């Protein structure tokens, strides 16, 4: 009788742990996505924006400092 009670207790604990893991994963996914979105907004996006604007500014400066083109000769 005592062995059967331990068996059912062990099975119950195992099923409970499985349910807890599944519920934990279901709850952790949105929290992780919100966290990663915050990391993107605060850290990654400003860096990428700064690099992109610096690249565009350098490209504008390069294109405005080009020497004038020689007139095309037509024969």
PDB file of N, CA and C in Angstrom:
ATOM      1  N   UNK A   1       0.834  -1.199   0.000  1.00  0.00           N
ATOM      2  CA  UNK A   1       0.000   0.000   0.000  1.00  0.00           C
ATOM      3  C   UNK A   1       0.877   1.261   0.000  1.00  0.00           C
ATOM      4  N   UNK A   2       1.902   1.240   0.837  1.00  0.00           N
ATOM      5  CA  UNK A   2       2.791   2.401   0.919  1.00  0.00           C
ATOM      6  C   UNK A   2       3.559   2.591  -0.381  1.00  0.00           C
ATOM      7  N   UNK A   3       3.945   1.476  -1.017  1.00  0.00           N
ATOM      8  CA  UNK A   3       4.663   1.566  -2.294  1.00  0.00           C
ATOM      9  C   UNK A   3       3.784   2.174  -3.379  1.00  0.00           C
ATOM     10  N   UNK A   4       2.518   1.811  -3.400  1.00  0.00           N
ATOM     11  CA  UNK A   4       1.590   2.369  -4.394  1.00  0.00           C
ATOM     12  C   UNK A   4       1.417   3.867  -4.189  1.00  0.00           C
ATOM     13  N   UNK A   5       1.355   4.283  -2.945  1.00  0.00           N
ATOM     14  CA  UNK A   5       1.222   5.721  -2.655  1.00  0.00           C
ATOM     15  C   UNK A   5       2.456   6.470  -3.146  1.00  0.00           C
ATOM     16  N   UNK A   6       3.640   5.901  -2.915  1.00  0.00           N
ATOM     17  CA  UNK A   6       4.864   6.546  -3.398  1.00  0.00           C
ATOM     18  C   UNK A   6       4.898   6.595  -4.925  1.00  0.00           C
ATOM     19  N   UNK A   7       4.417   5.519  -5.547  1.00  0.00           N
ATOM     20  CA  UNK A   7       4.383   5.487  -7.008  1.00  0.00           C
ATOM     21  C   UNK A   7       3.481   6.591  -7.554  1.00  0.00           C
ATOM     22  N   UNK A   8       2.281   6.690  -7.006  1.00  0.00           N
ATOM     23  CA  UNK A   8       1.357   7.740  -7.461  1.00  0.00           C
ATOM     24  C   UNK A   8       1.899   9.129  -7.160  1.00  0.00           C
ATOM     25  N   UNK A   9       2.555   9.268  -5.999  1.00  0.00           N
ATOM     26  CA  UNK A   9       3.159  10.550  -5.652  1.00  0.00           C
ATOM     27  C   UNK A   9       4.244  10.923  -6.661  1.00  0.00           C
ATOM     28  N   UNK A  10       5.083   9.947  -7.016  1.00  0.00           N
ATOM     29  CA  UNK A  10       6.142  10.199  -7.995  1.00  0.00           C
ATOM     30  C   UNK A  10       5.590  10.542  -9.365  1.00  0.00           C
ATOM     31  N   UNK A  11       4.552   9.824  -9.793  1.00  0.00           N
ATOM     32  CA  UNK A  11       3.934  10.113 -11.093  1.00  0.00           C
ATOM     33  C   UNK A  11       3.292  11.502 -11.073  1.00  0.00           C
ATOM     34  N   UNK A  12       2.638  11.805  -9.969  1.00  0.00           N
ATOM     35  CA  UNK A  12       2.004  13.134  -9.851  1.00  0.00           C
ATOM     36  C   UNK A  12       3.032  14.254  -9.904  1.00  0.00           C
ATOM     37  N   UNK A  13       4.139  14.059  -9.201  1.00  0.00           N
ATOM     38  CA  UNK A  13       5.209  15.075  -9.233  1.00  0.00           C
ATOM     39  C   UNK A  13       5.763  15.206 -10.649  1.00  0.00           C
ATOM     40  N   UNK A  14       5.955  14.101 -11.341  1.00  0.00           N
ATOM     41  CA  UNK A  14       6.504  14.136 -12.701  1.00  0.00           C
ATOM     42  C   UNK A  14       5.575  14.878 -13.651  1.00  0.00           C
ATOM     43  N   UNK A  15       4.284  14.558 -13.575  1.00  0.00           N
ATOM     44  CA  UNK A  15       3.310  15.238 -14.446  1.00  0.00           C
ATOM     45  C   UNK A  15       3.239  16.716 -14.086  1.00  0.00           C
ATOM     46  N   UNK A  16       3.257  17.012 -12.804  1.00  0.00           N
ATOM     47  CA  UNK A  16       3.225  18.416 -12.372  1.00  0.00           C
ATOM     48  C   UNK A  16       4.435  19.194 -12.867  1.00  0.00           C
ATOM     49  N   UNK A  17       5.593  18.576 -12.819  1.00  0.00           N
ATOM     50  CA  UNK A  17       6.793  19.247 -13.314  1.00  0.00           C
ATOM     51  C   UNK A  17       6.728  19.473 -14.819  1.00  0.00           C
ATOM     52  N   UNK A  18       6.203  18.487 -15.539  1.00  0.00           N
ATOM     53  CA  UNK A  18       6.063  18.665 -16.993  1.00  0.00           C
ATOM     54  C   UNK A  18       5.124  19.826 -17.313  1.00  0.00           C
ATOM     55  N   UNK A  19       4.013  19.879 -16.606  1.00  0.00           N
ATOM     56  CA  UNK A  19       3.059  20.975 -16.822  1.00  0.00           C
ATOM     57  C   UNK A  19       3.712  22.312 -16.465  1.00  0.00           C
ATOM     58  N   UNK A  20       4.461  22.334 -15.366  1.00  0.00           N
ATOM     59  CA  UNK A  20       5.122  23.578 -14.948  1.00  0.00           C
ATOM     60  C   UNK A  20       6.136  24.030 -15.993  1.00  0.00           C
ATOM     61  N   UNK A  21       6.875  23.089 -16.573  1.00  0.00           N
ATOM     62  CA  UNK A  21       7.863  23.448 -17.600  1.00  0.00           C
ATOM     63  C   UNK A  21       7.163  24.003 -18.833  1.00  0.00           C
ATOM     64  N   UNK A  22       6.087  23.357 -19.263  1.00  0.00           N
ATOM     65  CA  UNK A  22       5.358  23.832 -20.452  1.00  0.00           C
ATOM     66  C   UNK A  22       4.780  25.224 -20.205  1.00  0.00           C
ATOM     67  N   UNK A  23       4.163  25.426 -19.045  1.00  0.00           N
ATOM     68  CA  UNK A  23       3.595  26.743 -18.724  1.00  0.00           C
ATOM     69  C   UNK A  23       4.709  27.782 -18.614  1.00  0.00           C
ATOM     70  N   UNK A  24       5.837  27.405 -18.035  1.00  0.00           N
ATOM     71  CA  UNK A  24       6.957  28.338 -17.925  1.00  0.00           C
ATOM     72  C   UNK A  24       7.486  28.762 -19.281  1.00  0.00           C
ATOM     73  N   UNK A  25       7.587  27.819 -20.208  1.00  0.00           N
ATOM     74  CA  UNK A  25       8.056  28.155 -21.561  1.00  0.00           C
ATOM     75  C   UNK A  25       7.046  29.063 -22.255  1.00  0.00           C
ATOM     76  N   UNK A  26       5.762  28.735 -22.113  1.00  0.00           N
ATOM     77  CA  UNK A  26       4.722  29.561 -22.755  1.00  0.00           C
ATOM     78  C   UNK A  26       4.767  30.989 -22.213  1.00  0.00           C
ATOM     79  N   UNK A  27       4.992  31.140 -20.925  1.00  0.00           N
ATOM     80  CA  UNK A  27       5.062  32.483 -20.345  1.00  0.00           C
ATOM     81  C   UNK A  27       6.395  33.169 -20.624  1.00  0.00           C
ATOM     82  N   UNK A  28       7.456  32.396 -20.807  1.00  0.00           N
ATOM     83  CA  UNK A  28       8.779  32.995 -20.991  1.00  0.00           C
ATOM     84  C   UNK A  28       8.989  33.533 -22.399  1.00  0.00           C
ATOM     85  N   UNK A  29       8.320  32.954 -23.386  1.00  0.00           N
ATOM     86  CA  UNK A  29       8.544  33.393 -24.772  1.00  0.00           C
ATOM     87  C   UNK A  29       8.125  34.851 -24.977  1.00  0.00           C
ATOM     88  N   UNK A  30       6.911  35.282 -24.588  1.00  0.00           N
ATOM     89  CA  UNK A  30       6.581  36.700 -24.778  1.00  0.00           C
ATOM     90  C   UNK A  30       7.475  37.631 -23.968  1.00  0.00           C
ATOM     91  N   UNK A  31       7.840  37.224 -22.754  1.00  0.00           N
ATOM     92  CA  UNK A  31       8.721  38.063 -21.939  1.00  0.00           C
ATOM     93  C   UNK A  31      10.079  38.218 -22.622  1.00  0.00           C
ATOM     94  N   UNK A  32      10.600  37.133 -23.181  1.00  0.00           N
ATOM     95  CA  UNK A  32      11.886  37.206 -23.881  1.00  0.00           C
ATOM     96  C   UNK A  32      11.784  38.088 -25.118  1.00  0.00           C
ATOM     97  N   UNK A  33      10.675  37.978 -25.851  1.00  0.00           N
ATOM     98  CA  UNK A  33      10.513  38.817 -27.045  1.00  0.00           C
ATOM     99  C   UNK A  33      10.416  40.296 -26.680  1.00  0.00           C
ATOM    100  N   UNK A  34       9.688  40.602 -25.610  1.00  0.00           N
ATOM    101  CA  UNK A  34       9.593  42.002 -25.164  1.00  0.00           C
ATOM    102  C   UNK A  34      10.972  42.511 -24.740  1.00  0.00           C
ATOM    103  N   UNK A  35      11.724  41.674 -24.019  1.00  0.00           N
ATOM    104  CA  UNK A  35      13.061  42.070 -23.589  1.00  0.00           C
ATOM    105  C   UNK A  35      13.979  42.314 -24.783  1.00  0.00           C
ATOM    106  N   UNK A  36      13.948  41.405 -25.750  1.00  0.00           N
ATOM    107  CA  UNK A  36      14.809  41.567 -26.925  1.00  0.00           C
ATOM    108  C   UNK A  36      14.408  42.789 -27.740  1.00  0.00           C
ATOM    109  N   UNK A  37      13.112  43.080 -27.800  1.00  0.00           N
ATOM    110  CA  UNK A  37      12.672  44.283 -28.508  1.00  0.00           C
ATOM    111  C   UNK A  37      13.202  45.532 -27.801  1.00  0.00           C
ATOM    112  N   UNK A  38      13.172  45.514 -26.470  1.00  0.00           N
ATOM    113  CA  UNK A  38      13.726  46.643 -25.717  1.00  0.00           C
ATOM    114  C   UNK A  38      15.217  46.798 -25.941  1.00  0.00           C
ATOM    115  N   UNK A  39      15.937  45.693 -25.966  1.00  0.00           N
ATOM    116  CA  UNK A  39      17.381  45.744 -26.234  1.00  0.00           C
ATOM    117  C   UNK A  39      17.627  46.320 -27.622  1.00  0.00           C
ATOM    118  N   UNK A  40      16.810  45.913 -28.597  1.00  0.00           N
ATOM    119  CA  UNK A  40      16.967  46.438 -29.954  1.00  0.00           C
ATOM    120  C   UNK A  40      16.723  47.941 -29.983  1.00  0.00           C
ATOM    121  N   UNK A  41      15.626  48.380 -29.336  1.00  0.00           N
ATOM    122  CA  UNK A  41      15.276  49.807 -29.370  1.00  0.00           C
ATOM    123  C   UNK A  41      16.333  50.670 -28.677  1.00  0.00           C
ATOM    124  N   UNK A  42      16.881  50.176 -27.573  1.00  0.00           N
ATOM    125  CA  UNK A  42      17.767  51.003 -26.755  1.00  0.00           C
ATOM    126  C   UNK A  42      19.223  50.916 -27.202  1.00  0.00           C
ATOM    127  N   UNK A  43      19.661  49.745 -27.640  1.00  0.00           N
ATOM    128  CA  UNK A  43      21.090  49.552 -27.915  1.00  0.00           C
ATOM    129  C   UNK A  43      21.376  49.442 -29.405  1.00  0.00           C
ATOM    130  N   UNK A  44      20.706  48.538 -30.095  1.00  0.00           N
ATOM    131  CA  UNK A  44      21.086  48.212 -31.469  1.00  0.00           C
ATOM    132  C   UNK A  44      20.639  49.298 -32.449  1.00  0.00           C
ATOM    133  N   UNK A  45      19.385  49.760 -32.335  1.00  0.00           N
ATOM    134  CA  UNK A  45      18.857  50.731 -33.297  1.00  0.00           C
ATOM    135  C   UNK A  45      19.654  52.038 -33.322  1.00  0.00           C
ATOM    136  N   UNK A  46      20.000  52.644 -32.172  1.00  0.00           N
ATOM    137  CA  UNK A  46      20.797  53.881 -32.249  1.00  0.00           C
ATOM    138  C   UNK A  46      22.162  53.682 -32.899  1.00  0.00           C
ATOM    139  N   UNK A  47      22.793  52.533 -32.628  1.00  0.00           N
ATOM    140  CA  UNK A  47      24.107  52.281 -33.225  1.00  0.00           C
ATOM    141  C   UNK A  47      23.978  52.161 -34.736  1.00  0.00           C
ATOM    142  N   UNK A  48      22.996  51.392 -35.187  1.00  0.00           N
ATOM    143  CA  UNK A  48      22.802  51.210 -36.630  1.00  0.00           C
ATOM    144  C   UNK A  48      22.425  52.538 -37.286  1.00  0.00           C
ATOM    145  N   UNK A  49      21.574  53.316 -36.614  1.00  0.00           N
ATOM    146  CA  UNK A  49      21.181  54.616 -37.166  1.00  0.00           C
ATOM    147  C   UNK A  49      22.395  55.533 -37.296  1.00  0.00           C
ATOM    148  N   UNK A  50      23.252  55.556 -36.272  1.00  0.00           N
ATOM    149  CA  UNK A  50      24.452  56.382 -36.324  1.00  0.00           C
ATOM    150  C   UNK A  50      25.396  55.949 -37.430  1.00  0.00           C
ATOM    151  N   UNK A  51      25.580  54.642 -37.566  1.00  0.00           N
ATOM    152  CA  UNK A  51      26.447  54.158 -38.640  1.00  0.00           C
ATOM    153  C   UNK A  51      25.878  54.508 -40.006  1.00  0.00           C
ATOM    154  N   UNK A  52      24.556  54.353 -40.163  1.00  0.00           N
ATOM    155  CA  UNK A  52      23.929  54.631 -41.453  1.00  0.00           C
ATOM    156  C   UNK A  52      24.034  56.114 -41.800  1.00  0.00           C
ATOM    157  N   UNK A  53      23.763  56.990 -40.806  1.00  0.00           N
ATOM    158  CA  UNK A  53      23.859  58.427 -41.074  1.00  0.00           C
ATOM    159  C   UNK A  53      25.304  58.836 -41.354  1.00  0.00           C
ATOM    160  N   UNK A  54      26.257  58.233 -40.656  1.00  0.00           N
ATOM    161  CA  UNK A  54      27.661  58.530 -40.923  1.00  0.00           C
ATOM    162  C   UNK A  54      28.067  58.086 -42.318  1.00  0.00           C
ATOM    163  N   UNK A  55      27.587  56.933 -42.730  1.00  0.00           N
ATOM    164  CA  UNK A  55      27.873  56.447 -44.084  1.00  0.00           C
ATOM    165  C   UNK A  55      27.277  57.385 -45.130  1.00  0.00           C
ATOM    166  N   UNK A  56      26.018  57.803 -44.913  1.00  0.00           N
ATOM    167  CA  UNK A  56      25.373  58.704 -45.874  1.00  0.00           C
ATOM    168  C   UNK A  56      26.093  60.050 -45.930  1.00  0.00           C
ATOM    169  N   UNK A  57      26.496  60.571 -44.766  1.00  0.00           N
ATOM    170  CA  UNK A  57      27.198  61.855 -44.728  1.00  0.00           C
ATOM    171  C   UNK A  57      28.541  61.753 -45.449  1.00  0.00           C
ATOM    172  N   UNK A  58      29.260  60.665 -45.212  1.00  0.00           N
ATOM    173  CA  UNK A  58      30.534  60.470 -45.905  1.00  0.00           C
ATOM    174  C   UNK A  58      30.344  60.316 -47.401  1.00  0.00           C
ATOM    175  N   UNK A  59      29.281  59.634 -47.793  1.00  0.00           N
ATOM    176  CA  UNK A  59      29.016  59.453 -49.222  1.00  0.00           C
ATOM    177  C   UNK A  59      28.670  60.790 -49.878  1.00  0.00           C
ATOM    178  N   UNK A  60      27.885  61.631 -49.180  1.00  0.00           N
ATOM    179  CA  UNK A  60      27.559  62.962 -49.720  1.00  0.00           C
ATOM    180  C   UNK A  60      28.823  63.795 -49.869  1.00  0.00           C
ATOM    181  N   UNK A  61      29.686  63.735 -48.838  1.00  0.00           N
ATOM    182  CA  UNK A  61      30.923  64.517 -48.877  1.00  0.00           C
ATOM    183  C   UNK A  61      31.813  64.048 -50.024  1.00  0.00           C
ATOM    184  N   UNK A  62      31.887  62.734 -50.221  1.00  0.00           N
ATOM    185  CA  UNK A  62      32.691  62.199 -51.314  1.00  0.00           C
ATOM    186  C   UNK A  62      32.156  62.661 -52.661  1.00  0.00           C
ATOM    187  N   UNK A  63      30.841  62.626 -52.811  1.00  0.00           N
ATOM    188  CA  UNK A  63      30.276  62.952 -54.116  1.00  0.00           C
ATOM    189  C   UNK A  63      30.364  64.448 -54.416  1.00  0.00           C
ATOM    190  N   UNK A  64      30.380  65.308 -53.384  1.00  0.00           N
ATOM    191  CA  UNK A  64      30.479  66.747 -53.645  1.00  0.00           C
ATOM    192  C   UNK A  64      31.922  67.185 -53.886  1.00  0.00           C
ATOM    193  N   UNK A  65      32.909  66.414 -53.445  1.00  0.00           N
ATOM    194  CA  UNK A  65      34.310  66.792 -53.614  1.00  0.00           C
ATOM    195  C   UNK A  65      34.954  66.159 -54.846  1.00  0.00           C
ATOM    196  N   UNK A  66      34.160  65.616 -55.727  1.00  0.00           N
ATOM    197  CA  UNK A  66      34.724  65.016 -56.931  1.00  0.00           C
ATOM    198  C   UNK A  66      35.238  66.105 -57.862  1.00  0.00           C
ATOM    199  N   UNK A  67      36.318  65.838 -58.554  1.00  0.00           N
ATOM    200  CA  UNK A  67      36.795  66.847 -59.520  1.00  0.00           C
ATOM    201  C   UNK A  67      35.798  66.972 -60.671  1.00  0.00           C
ATOM    202  N   UNK A  68      35.735  68.142 -61.292  1.00  0.00           N
ATOM    203  CA  UNK A  68      34.781  68.302 -62.393  1.00  0.00           C
ATOM    204  C   UNK A  68      35.141  67.375 -63.559  1.00  0.00           C
ATOM    205  N   UNK A  69      34.128  66.915 -64.213  1.00  0.00           N
ATOM    206  CA  UNK A  69      34.358  66.015 -65.364  1.00  0.00           C
ATOM    207  C   UNK A  69      34.832  66.808 -66.547  1.00  0.00           C
ATOM    208  N   UNK A  70      35.709  66.209 -67.329  1.00  0.00           N
ATOM    209  CA  UNK A  70      36.198  66.877 -68.534  1.00  0.00           C
ATOM    210  C   UNK A  70      35.049  66.892 -69.557  1.00  0.00           C
ATOM    211  N   UNK A  71      34.969  67.999 -70.310  1.00  0.00           N
ATOM    212  CA  UNK A  71      33.902  68.040 -71.330  1.00  0.00           C
ATOM    213  C   UNK A  71      34.113  66.944 -72.376  1.00  0.00           C
ATOM    214  N   UNK A  72      33.027  66.337 -72.721  1.00  0.00           N
ATOM    215  CA  UNK A  72      33.148  65.250 -73.710  1.00  0.00           C
ATOM    216  C   UNK A  72      33.441  65.853 -75.080  1.00  0.00           C
ATOM    217  N   UNK A  73      34.399  65.260 -75.766  1.00  0.00           N
ATOM    218  CA  UNK A  73      34.763  65.771 -77.082  1.00  0.00           C
ATOM    219  C   UNK A  73      33.911  65.062 -78.123  1.00  0.00           C
ATOM    220  N   UNK A  74      33.275  65.834 -78.952  1.00  0.00           N
ATOM    221  CA  UNK A  74      32.471  65.237 -80.024  1.00  0.00           C
ATOM    222  C   UNK A  74      33.177  65.473 -81.349  1.00  0.00           C
ATOM    223  N   UNK A  75      33.334  64.463 -82.151  1.00  0.00           N
ATOM    224  CA  UNK A  75      34.024  64.597 -83.442  1.00  0.00           C
ATOM    225  C   UNK A  75      33.012  64.611 -84.541  1.00  0.00           C
TER     226      UNK A  75
END
